[in-house]
Amino acid sequence: MVKRYYFHLVDGHDVIPDEVGIDVADLAQARIEAVQAIREVGQECAHAAAASGNWRIDVTDAFGAVAFQIDMSELAENS
């Protein structure tokens, strides 16, 4: 069953909402898509990657419930 998840950028007080979302088969695929999105942002915007310490992605379902979060700084450290 395909579900739609939304990838919101959050830095503690500012939120850049994902109003479109993407359809994925499961949470594992949603996590892969979130990691890929973070890496693409880092490649396209070097200054954004450098300042990513406070940012995270909140992945939510269609009802707004948070499925999981990924801190962008943790991913940068593991790259």
PDB file of N, CA and C in Angstrom:
ATOM      1  N   MET A   1       0.841  -1.180   0.000  1.00  0.00           N
ATOM      2  CA  MET A   1       0.000   0.000   0.000  1.00  0.00           C
ATOM      3  C   MET A   1       0.889   1.248   0.000  1.00  0.00           C
ATOM      4  N   VAL A   2       0.644   2.119  -0.914  1.00  0.00           N
ATOM      5  CA  VAL A   2       1.410   3.356  -1.039  1.00  0.00           C
ATOM      6  C   VAL A   2       0.826   4.403  -0.097  1.00  0.00           C
ATOM      7  N   LYS A   3       1.718   5.125   0.588  1.00  0.00           N
ATOM      8  CA  LYS A   3       1.294   6.199   1.485  1.00  0.00           C
ATOM      9  C   LYS A   3       2.024   7.478   1.106  1.00  0.00           C
ATOM     10  N   ARG A   4       1.400   8.604   1.378  1.00  0.00           N
ATOM     11  CA  ARG A   4       2.014   9.899   1.117  1.00  0.00           C
ATOM     12  C   ARG A   4       2.637  10.423   2.409  1.00  0.00           C
ATOM     13  N   TYR A   5       3.905  10.819   2.297  1.00  0.00           N
ATOM     14  CA  TYR A   5       4.614  11.423   3.417  1.00  0.00           C
ATOM     15  C   TYR A   5       5.097  12.806   3.013  1.00  0.00           C
ATOM     16  N   TYR A   6       5.236  13.663   4.014  1.00  0.00           N
ATOM     17  CA  TYR A   6       5.643  15.054   3.816  1.00  0.00           C
ATOM     18  C   TYR A   6       6.947  15.292   4.556  1.00  0.00           C
ATOM     19  N   PHE A   7       7.829  16.083   3.945  1.00  0.00           N
ATOM     20  CA  PHE A   7       9.180  16.300   4.457  1.00  0.00           C
ATOM     21  C   PHE A   7       9.335  17.780   4.815  1.00  0.00           C
ATOM     22  N   HIS A   8       9.124  18.114   6.077  1.00  0.00           N
ATOM     23  CA  HIS A   8       9.159  19.494   6.541  1.00  0.00           C
ATOM     24  C   HIS A   8      10.553  19.821   7.099  1.00  0.00           C
ATOM     25  N   LEU A   9      11.109  20.948   6.675  1.00  0.00           N
ATOM     26  CA  LEU A   9      12.383  21.421   7.229  1.00  0.00           C
ATOM     27  C   LEU A   9      12.085  22.262   8.461  1.00  0.00           C
ATOM     28  N   VAL A  10      12.745  21.937   9.567  1.00  0.00           N
ATOM     29  CA  VAL A  10      12.484  22.593  10.849  1.00  0.00           C
ATOM     30  C   VAL A  10      13.807  22.970  11.493  1.00  0.00           C
ATOM     31  N   ASP A  11      13.893  24.185  12.055  1.00  0.00           N
ATOM     32  CA  ASP A  11      15.113  24.559  12.773  1.00  0.00           C
ATOM     33  C   ASP A  11      14.835  24.955  14.215  1.00  0.00           C
ATOM     34  N   GLY A  12      13.764  24.520  14.773  1.00  0.00           N
ATOM     35  CA  GLY A  12      13.435  24.821  16.160  1.00  0.00           C
ATOM     36  C   GLY A  12      12.321  25.841  16.260  1.00  0.00           C
ATOM     37  N   HIS A  13      12.395  26.890  15.432  1.00  0.00           N
ATOM     38  CA  HIS A  13      11.325  27.882  15.455  1.00  0.00           C
ATOM     39  C   HIS A  13      10.783  28.190  14.063  1.00  0.00           C
ATOM     40  N   ASP A  14      11.560  27.946  13.033  1.00  0.00           N
ATOM     41  CA  ASP A  14      11.090  28.141  11.662  1.00  0.00           C
ATOM     42  C   ASP A  14      10.774  26.786  11.039  1.00  0.00           C
ATOM     43  N   VAL A  15       9.719  26.760  10.239  1.00  0.00           N
ATOM     44  CA  VAL A  15       9.329  25.551   9.538  1.00  0.00           C
ATOM     45  C   VAL A  15       9.128  25.898   8.068  1.00  0.00           C
ATOM     46  N   ILE A  16       9.740  25.110   7.206  1.00  0.00           N
ATOM     47  CA  ILE A  16       9.479  25.208   5.776  1.00  0.00           C
ATOM     48  C   ILE A  16       8.667  23.972   5.437  1.00  0.00           C
ATOM     49  N   PRO A  17       7.345  24.156   5.298  1.00  0.00           N
ATOM     50  CA  PRO A  17       6.484  22.988   5.120  1.00  0.00           C
ATOM     51  C   PRO A  17       6.550  22.413   3.710  1.00  0.00           C
ATOM     52  N   ASP A  18       6.411  21.128   3.648  1.00  0.00           N
ATOM     53  CA  ASP A  18       6.265  20.416   2.381  1.00  0.00           C
ATOM     54  C   ASP A  18       4.770  20.269   2.164  1.00  0.00           C
ATOM     55  N   GLU A  19       4.239  20.989   1.212  1.00  0.00           N
ATOM     56  CA  GLU A  19       2.803  20.954   0.981  1.00  0.00           C
ATOM     57  C   GLU A  19       2.402  19.943  -0.093  1.00  0.00           C
ATOM     58  N   VAL A  20       3.394  19.299  -0.723  1.00  0.00           N
ATOM     59  CA  VAL A  20       3.110  18.352  -1.799  1.00  0.00           C
ATOM     60  C   VAL A  20       3.288  16.918  -1.333  1.00  0.00           C
ATOM     61  N   GLY A  21       4.427  16.623  -0.713  1.00  0.00           N
ATOM     62  CA  GLY A  21       4.713  15.272  -0.257  1.00  0.00           C
ATOM     63  C   GLY A  21       5.056  14.346  -1.409  1.00  0.00           C
ATOM     64  N   ILE A  22       5.373  13.105  -1.051  1.00  0.00           N
ATOM     65  CA  ILE A  22       5.628  12.080  -2.064  1.00  0.00           C
ATOM     66  C   ILE A  22       4.996  10.770  -1.612  1.00  0.00           C
ATOM     67  N   ASP A  23       4.669   9.951  -2.594  1.00  0.00           N
ATOM     68  CA  ASP A  23       4.116   8.629  -2.322  1.00  0.00           C
ATOM     69  C   ASP A  23       5.255   7.623  -2.241  1.00  0.00           C
ATOM     70  N   VAL A  24       5.256   6.835  -1.180  1.00  0.00           N
ATOM     71  CA  VAL A  24       6.277   5.801  -0.994  1.00  0.00           C
ATOM     72  C   VAL A  24       5.594   4.515  -0.525  1.00  0.00           C
ATOM     73  N   ALA A  25       6.308   3.416  -0.694  1.00  0.00           N
ATOM     74  CA  ALA A  25       5.763   2.111  -0.319  1.00  0.00           C
ATOM     75  C   ALA A  25       5.735   1.893   1.189  1.00  0.00           C
ATOM     76  N   ASP A  26       6.770   2.434   1.895  1.00  0.00           N
ATOM     77  CA  ASP A  26       6.868   2.200   3.334  1.00  0.00           C
ATOM     78  C   ASP A  26       7.803   3.228   3.966  1.00  0.00           C
ATOM     79  N   LEU A  27       7.949   3.127   5.291  1.00  0.00           N
ATOM     80  CA  LEU A  27       8.806   4.079   6.011  1.00  0.00           C
ATOM     81  C   LEU A  27      10.270   3.965   5.612  1.00  0.00           C
ATOM     82  N   ALA A  28      10.713   2.771   5.273  1.00  0.00           N
ATOM     83  CA  ALA A  28      12.104   2.600   4.848  1.00  0.00           C
ATOM     84  C   ALA A  28      12.372   3.413   3.588  1.00  0.00           C
ATOM     85  N   GLN A  29      11.454   3.379   2.649  1.00  0.00           N
ATOM     86  CA  GLN A  29      11.624   4.176   1.431  1.00  0.00           C
ATOM     87  C   GLN A  29      11.528   5.672   1.749  1.00  0.00           C
ATOM     88  N   ALA A  30      10.665   6.052   2.676  1.00  0.00           N
ATOM     89  CA  ALA A  30      10.557   7.456   3.074  1.00  0.00           C
ATOM     90  C   ALA A  30      11.874   7.940   3.669  1.00  0.00           C
ATOM     91  N   ARG A  31      12.517   7.097   4.474  1.00  0.00           N
ATOM     92  CA  ARG A  31      13.808   7.465   5.072  1.00  0.00           C
ATOM     93  C   ARG A  31      14.872   7.631   3.986  1.00  0.00           C
ATOM     94  N   ILE A  32      14.887   6.756   3.007  1.00  0.00           N
ATOM     95  CA  ILE A  32      15.839   6.869   1.899  1.00  0.00           C
ATOM     96  C   ILE A  32      15.621   8.177   1.153  1.00  0.00           C
ATOM     97  N   GLU A  33      14.375   8.519   0.903  1.00  0.00           N
ATOM     98  CA  GLU A  33      14.054   9.763   0.195  1.00  0.00           C
ATOM     99  C   GLU A  33      14.464  10.984   1.019  1.00  0.00           C
ATOM    100  N   ALA A  34      14.269  10.931   2.329  1.00  0.00           N
ATOM    101  CA  ALA A  34      14.648  12.052   3.192  1.00  0.00           C
ATOM    102  C   ALA A  34      16.160  12.256   3.198  1.00  0.00           C
ATOM    103  N   VAL A  35      16.911  11.171   3.309  1.00  0.00           N
ATOM    104  CA  VAL A  35      18.378  11.255   3.301  1.00  0.00           C
ATOM    105  C   VAL A  35      18.858  11.804   1.959  1.00  0.00           C
ATOM    106  N   GLN A  36      18.263  11.340   0.883  1.00  0.00           N
ATOM    107  CA  GLN A  36      18.641  11.827  -0.448  1.00  0.00           C
ATOM    108  C   GLN A  36      18.341  13.327  -0.571  1.00  0.00           C
ATOM    109  N   ALA A  37      17.213  13.763  -0.059  1.00  0.00           N
ATOM    110  CA  ALA A  37      16.857  15.187  -0.120  1.00  0.00           C
ATOM    111  C   ALA A  37      17.860  16.036   0.651  1.00  0.00           C
ATOM    112  N   ILE A  38      18.268  15.559   1.835  1.00  0.00           N
ATOM    113  CA  ILE A  38      19.255  16.301   2.623  1.00  0.00           C
ATOM    114  C   ILE A  38      20.571  16.409   1.866  1.00  0.00           C
ATOM    115  N   ARG A  39      20.999  15.329   1.271  1.00  0.00           N
ATOM    116  CA  ARG A  39      22.264  15.348   0.515  1.00  0.00           C
ATOM    117  C   ARG A  39      22.190  16.278  -0.684  1.00  0.00           C
ATOM    118  N   GLU A  40      21.051  16.300  -1.372  1.00  0.00           N
ATOM    119  CA  GLU A  40      20.892  17.182  -2.524  1.00  0.00           C
ATOM    120  C   GLU A  40      20.942  18.648  -2.102  1.00  0.00           C
ATOM    121  N   VAL A  41      20.295  18.975  -0.995  1.00  0.00           N
ATOM    122  CA  VAL A  41      20.333  20.345  -0.485  1.00  0.00           C
ATOM    123  C   VAL A  41      21.773  20.718  -0.147  1.00  0.00           C
ATOM    124  N   GLY A  42      22.498  19.811   0.483  1.00  0.00           N
ATOM    125  CA  GLY A  42      23.889  20.067   0.841  1.00  0.00           C
ATOM    126  C   GLY A  42      24.774  20.290  -0.364  1.00  0.00           C
ATOM    127  N   GLN A  43      24.530  19.548  -1.439  1.00  0.00           N
ATOM    128  CA  GLN A  43      25.330  19.697  -2.655  1.00  0.00           C
ATOM    129  C   GLN A  43      24.998  20.983  -3.391  1.00  0.00           C
ATOM    130  N   GLU A  44      23.725  21.360  -3.396  1.00  0.00           N
ATOM    131  CA  GLU A  44      23.295  22.545  -4.129  1.00  0.00           C
ATOM    132  C   GLU A  44      23.610  23.832  -3.383  1.00  0.00           C
ATOM    133  N   CYS A  45      23.614  23.775  -2.068  1.00  0.00           N
ATOM    134  CA  CYS A  45      23.793  24.982  -1.266  1.00  0.00           C
ATOM    135  C   CYS A  45      24.847  24.718  -0.199  1.00  0.00           C
ATOM    136  N   ALA A  46      26.089  24.961  -0.531  1.00  0.00           N
ATOM    137  CA  ALA A  46      27.180  24.693   0.415  1.00  0.00           C
ATOM    138  C   ALA A  46      26.987  25.470   1.703  1.00  0.00           C
ATOM    139  N   HIS A  47      26.539  26.724   1.620  1.00  0.00           N
ATOM    140  CA  HIS A  47      26.329  27.508   2.836  1.00  0.00           C
ATOM    141  C   HIS A  47      25.203  26.930   3.677  1.00  0.00           C
ATOM    142  N   ALA A  48      24.193  26.344   3.047  1.00  0.00           N
ATOM    143  CA  ALA A  48      23.104  25.711   3.797  1.00  0.00           C
ATOM    144  C   ALA A  48      23.617  24.475   4.522  1.00  0.00           C
ATOM    145  N   ALA A  49      24.492  23.738   3.868  1.00  0.00           N
ATOM    146  CA  ALA A  49      25.062  22.551   4.506  1.00  0.00           C
ATOM    147  C   ALA A  49      25.900  22.941   5.707  1.00  0.00           C
ATOM    148  N   ALA A  50      26.649  24.020   5.595  1.00  0.00           N
ATOM    149  CA  ALA A  50      27.491  24.477   6.700  1.00  0.00           C
ATOM    150  C   ALA A  50      26.654  24.946   7.882  1.00  0.00           C
ATOM    151  N   ALA A  51      25.478  25.490   7.594  1.00  0.00           N
ATOM    152  CA  ALA A  51      24.617  26.019   8.652  1.00  0.00           C
ATOM    153  C   ALA A  51      23.534  25.030   9.059  1.00  0.00           C
ATOM    154  N   SER A  52      23.665  23.780   8.658  1.00  0.00           N
ATOM    155  CA  SER A  52      22.590  22.807   8.870  1.00  0.00           C
ATOM    156  C   SER A  52      22.517  22.274  10.295  1.00  0.00           C
ATOM    157  N   GLY A  53      23.409  22.714  11.169  1.00  0.00           N
ATOM    158  CA  GLY A  53      23.466  22.163  12.511  1.00  0.00           C
ATOM    159  C   GLY A  53      22.166  22.220  13.275  1.00  0.00           C
ATOM    160  N   ASN A  54      21.344  23.230  13.034  1.00  0.00           N
ATOM    161  CA  ASN A  54      20.093  23.368  13.764  1.00  0.00           C
ATOM    162  C   ASN A  54      18.895  22.798  13.023  1.00  0.00           C
ATOM    163  N   TRP A  55      19.085  22.370  11.810  1.00  0.00           N
ATOM    164  CA  TRP A  55      17.965  21.935  10.988  1.00  0.00           C
ATOM    165  C   TRP A  55      17.743  20.431  11.078  1.00  0.00           C
ATOM    166  N   ARG A  56      16.485  20.060  10.885  1.00  0.00           N
ATOM    167  CA  ARG A  56      16.120  18.654  10.801  1.00  0.00           C
ATOM    168  C   ARG A  56      14.981  18.527   9.804  1.00  0.00           C
ATOM    169  N   ILE A  57      14.733  17.316   9.388  1.00  0.00           N
ATOM    170  CA  ILE A  57      13.564  17.019   8.559  1.00  0.00           C
ATOM    171  C   ILE A  57      12.593  16.220   9.410  1.00  0.00           C
ATOM    172  N   ASP A  58      11.388  16.724   9.517  1.00  0.00           N
ATOM    173  CA  ASP A  58      10.298  15.988  10.148  1.00  0.00           C
ATOM    174  C   ASP A  58       9.487  15.343   9.037  1.00  0.00           C
ATOM    175  N   VAL A  59       9.418  14.033   9.041  1.00  0.00           N
ATOM    176  CA  VAL A  59       8.638  13.315   8.040  1.00  0.00           C
ATOM    177  C   VAL A  59       7.301  12.971   8.689  1.00  0.00           C
ATOM    178  N   THR A  60       6.224  13.468   8.073  1.00  0.00           N
ATOM    179  CA  THR A  60       4.893  13.268   8.633  1.00  0.00           C
ATOM    180  C   THR A  60       3.999  12.525   7.653  1.00  0.00           C
ATOM    181  N   ASP A  61       2.970  11.906   8.212  1.00  0.00           N
ATOM    182  CA  ASP A  61       1.981  11.253   7.357  1.00  0.00           C
ATOM    183  C   ASP A  61       0.935  12.279   6.931  1.00  0.00           C
ATOM    184  N   ALA A  62      -0.074  11.836   6.222  1.00  0.00           N
ATOM    185  CA  ALA A  62      -1.107  12.735   5.697  1.00  0.00           C
ATOM    186  C   ALA A  62      -1.915  13.424   6.792  1.00  0.00           C
ATOM    187  N   PHE A  63      -1.884  12.873   8.004  1.00  0.00           N
ATOM    188  CA  PHE A  63      -2.619  13.454   9.122  1.00  0.00           C
ATOM    189  C   PHE A  63      -1.769  14.397   9.962  1.00  0.00           C
ATOM    190  N   GLY A  64      -0.479  14.537   9.608  1.00  0.00           N
ATOM    191  CA  GLY A  64       0.419  15.426  10.335  1.00  0.00           C
ATOM    192  C   GLY A  64       1.180  14.754  11.465  1.00  0.00           C
ATOM    193  N   ALA A  65       0.976  13.461  11.660  1.00  0.00           N
ATOM    194  CA  ALA A  65       1.704  12.742  12.707  1.00  0.00           C
ATOM    195  C   ALA A  65       3.151  12.527  12.253  1.00  0.00           C
ATOM    196  N   VAL A  66       4.104  12.835  13.135  1.00  0.00           N
ATOM    197  CA  VAL A  66       5.516  12.675  12.800  1.00  0.00           C
ATOM    198  C   VAL A  66       5.863  11.190  12.799  1.00  0.00           C
ATOM    199  N   ALA A  67       6.319  10.706  11.643  1.00  0.00           N
ATOM    200  CA  ALA A  67       6.735   9.309  11.511  1.00  0.00           C
ATOM    201  C   ALA A  67       8.157   9.134  12.015  1.00  0.00           C
ATOM    202  N   PHE A  68       9.032  10.103  11.651  1.00  0.00           N
ATOM    203  CA  PHE A  68      10.411  10.123  12.148  1.00  0.00           C
ATOM    204  C   PHE A  68      11.032  11.469  11.829  1.00  0.00           C
ATOM    205  N   GLN A  69      12.182  11.716  12.460  1.00  0.00           N
ATOM    206  CA  GLN A  69      12.952  12.946  12.250  1.00  0.00           C
ATOM    207  C   GLN A  69      14.390  12.571  11.924  1.00  0.00           C
ATOM    208  N   ILE A  70      15.016  13.408  11.108  1.00  0.00           N
ATOM    209  CA  ILE A  70      16.440  13.240  10.829  1.00  0.00           C
ATOM    210  C   ILE A  70      17.104  14.584  11.050  1.00  0.00           C
ATOM    211  N   ASP A  71      18.068  14.625  11.975  1.00  0.00           N
ATOM    212  CA  ASP A  71      18.861  15.837  12.180  1.00  0.00           C
ATOM    213  C   ASP A  71      19.878  15.936  11.054  1.00  0.00           C
ATOM    214  N   MET A  72      19.901  17.076  10.392  1.00  0.00           N
ATOM    215  CA  MET A  72      20.794  17.255   9.256  1.00  0.00           C
ATOM    216  C   MET A  72      22.264  17.217   9.685  1.00  0.00           C
ATOM    217  N   SER A  73      22.554  17.664  10.902  1.00  0.00           N
ATOM    218  CA  SER A  73      23.945  17.650  11.369  1.00  0.00           C
ATOM    219  C   SER A  73      24.449  16.228  11.559  1.00  0.00           C
ATOM    220  N   GLU A  74      23.598  15.325  12.035  1.00  0.00           N
ATOM    221  CA  GLU A  74      24.002  13.925  12.205  1.00  0.00           C
ATOM    222  C   GLU A  74      24.333  13.279  10.866  1.00  0.00           C
ATOM    223  N   LEU A  75      23.541  13.595   9.864  1.00  0.00           N
ATOM    224  CA  LEU A  75      23.782  13.031   8.552  1.00  0.00           C
ATOM    225  C   LEU A  75      25.086  13.584   7.971  1.00  0.00           C
ATOM    226  N   ALA A  76      25.351  14.874   8.171  1.00  0.00           N
ATOM    227  CA  ALA A  76      26.574  15.486   7.666  1.00  0.00           C
ATOM    228  C   ALA A  76      27.799  14.848   8.316  1.00  0.00           C
ATOM    229  N   GLU A  77      27.698  14.521   9.602  1.00  0.00           N
ATOM    230  CA  GLU A  77      28.819  13.891  10.303  1.00  0.00           C
ATOM    231  C   GLU A  77      29.092  12.488   9.790  1.00  0.00           C
ATOM    232  N   ASN A  78      28.045  11.801   9.321  1.00  0.00           N
ATOM    233  CA  ASN A  78      28.175  10.426   8.853  1.00  0.00           C
ATOM    234  C   ASN A  78      28.518  10.323   7.370  1.00  0.00           C
ATOM    235  N   SER A  79      28.598  11.453   6.660  1.00  0.00           N
ATOM    236  CA  SER A  79      28.883  11.419   5.221  1.00  0.00           C
ATOM    237  C   SER A  79      30.339  11.242   4.949  1.00  0.00           C
TER     238      SER A  79
END
